[in-house]
Amino acid sequence: MPTISQFFGILIHMYIRGEHNPPHFYALYAEHEAQINIQTLEIIEGKLPRRALVMVLEWANEHRAELMEDWNLCRAKQLPKPIKPLE
């Protein structure tokens, strides 16, 4: 599962294995993990602390088009491109 971004101790990953819909990414922070829908920015599964979740959602909102590009690359079993971290 490649890391496509990292900021403030949060890792953002996507699987390269022809993932199932809806388009999503994984955010990991310490022992917490959440699967997040790219289109709606809703948590599909898991949980993050509130502060980490706010940062992840802000970052994802800014980079939604790039996340969809990476999703499409992963669906084609190609490596996703890195995405600029939250500053």
Protein backbone atom coordinates (compact mmCIF):
# COMPACT_ATOMS: atom_id res chain seq x y z
CA MET A 1 0.00 0.00 0.00
CA PRO A 2 1.97 3.05 -1.22
CA THR A 3 2.02 6.25 0.79
CA ILE A 4 0.80 9.10 -1.43
CA SER A 5 1.09 11.85 1.19
CA GLN A 6 2.27 12.40 4.73
CA PHE A 7 1.71 15.34 7.09
CA PHE A 8 1.61 15.93 10.85
CA GLY A 9 2.11 12.22 11.57
CA ILE A 10 -0.74 11.21 9.24
CA LEU A 11 -0.09 8.77 6.39
CA ILE A 12 -2.34 8.66 3.32
CA HIS A 13 -2.37 5.37 1.37
CA MET A 14 -4.07 3.71 -1.59
CA TYR A 15 -4.00 0.05 -2.49
CA ILE A 16 -2.80 -1.06 -5.92
CA ARG A 17 -5.03 -4.04 -6.47
CA GLY A 18 -8.01 -3.02 -8.51
CA GLU A 19 -9.92 -1.63 -5.53
CA HIS A 20 -13.69 -1.79 -5.24
CA ASN A 21 -15.98 1.24 -5.40
CA PRO A 22 -16.62 3.80 -4.07
CA PRO A 23 -13.30 5.59 -4.76
CA HIS A 24 -11.48 5.88 -1.44
CA PHE A 25 -8.17 6.29 0.36
CA TYR A 26 -6.84 5.28 3.76
CA ALA A 27 -5.67 7.68 6.45
CA LEU A 28 -3.51 6.30 9.25
CA TYR A 29 -2.65 8.16 12.43
CA ALA A 30 -0.90 6.30 15.28
CA GLU A 31 -3.05 3.21 15.94
CA HIS A 32 -6.09 4.69 14.15
CA GLU A 33 -7.13 4.07 10.55
CA ALA A 34 -10.02 5.31 8.45
CA GLN A 35 -11.15 4.53 4.93
CA ILE A 36 -12.51 7.74 3.36
CA ASN A 37 -14.73 8.20 0.29
CA ILE A 38 -13.03 10.60 -2.15
CA GLN A 39 -16.28 11.92 -3.61
CA THR A 40 -18.20 12.61 -0.39
CA LEU A 41 -15.31 12.78 2.13
CA GLU A 42 -17.33 10.55 4.46
CA ILE A 43 -15.70 7.83 6.54
CA ILE A 44 -16.56 4.45 5.05
CA GLU A 45 -14.91 2.45 7.82
CA GLY A 46 -12.71 3.07 10.83
CA LYS A 47 -12.08 6.14 12.94
CA LEU A 48 -9.56 8.93 13.44
CA PRO A 49 -9.18 11.37 16.33
CA ARG A 50 -11.14 14.55 15.59
CA ARG A 51 -8.08 16.76 15.08
CA ALA A 52 -6.48 14.31 12.63
CA LEU A 53 -9.79 13.85 10.79
CA VAL A 54 -10.22 17.61 10.33
CA MET A 55 -6.73 17.85 8.79
CA VAL A 56 -7.31 14.84 6.53
CA LEU A 57 -10.62 16.21 5.26
CA GLU A 58 -9.12 19.66 4.63
CA TRP A 59 -6.25 18.06 2.69
CA ALA A 60 -8.58 15.74 0.74
CA ASN A 61 -10.88 18.61 -0.20
CA GLU A 62 -7.91 20.53 -1.63
CA HIS A 63 -6.63 17.52 -3.58
CA ARG A 64 -9.80 15.70 -4.62
CA ALA A 65 -8.94 15.75 -8.37
CA GLU A 66 -5.47 14.34 -7.68
CA LEU A 67 -6.97 11.67 -5.43
CA MET A 68 -9.30 10.60 -8.24
CA GLU A 69 -6.34 10.46 -10.66
CA ASP A 70 -4.47 8.25 -8.19
CA TRP A 71 -7.60 6.11 -7.70
CA ASN A 72 -7.77 5.52 -11.44
CA LEU A 73 -4.07 4.63 -11.55
CA CYS A 74 -4.55 2.12 -8.73
CA ARG A 75 -7.58 0.61 -10.50
CA ALA A 76 -5.28 0.10 -13.50
CA LYS A 77 -2.75 -1.54 -11.11
CA GLN A 78 -0.27 1.32 -11.54
CA LEU A 79 1.58 3.25 -8.85
CA PRO A 80 -0.23 6.35 -7.63
CA LYS A 81 1.55 9.71 -7.76
CA PRO A 82 2.60 11.57 -4.62
CA ILE A 83 0.30 14.40 -3.54
CA LYS A 84 1.51 17.56 -1.81
CA PRO A 85 1.00 17.39 1.97
CA LEU A 86 -1.11 19.74 4.06
CA GLU A 87 0.92 22.77 5.03
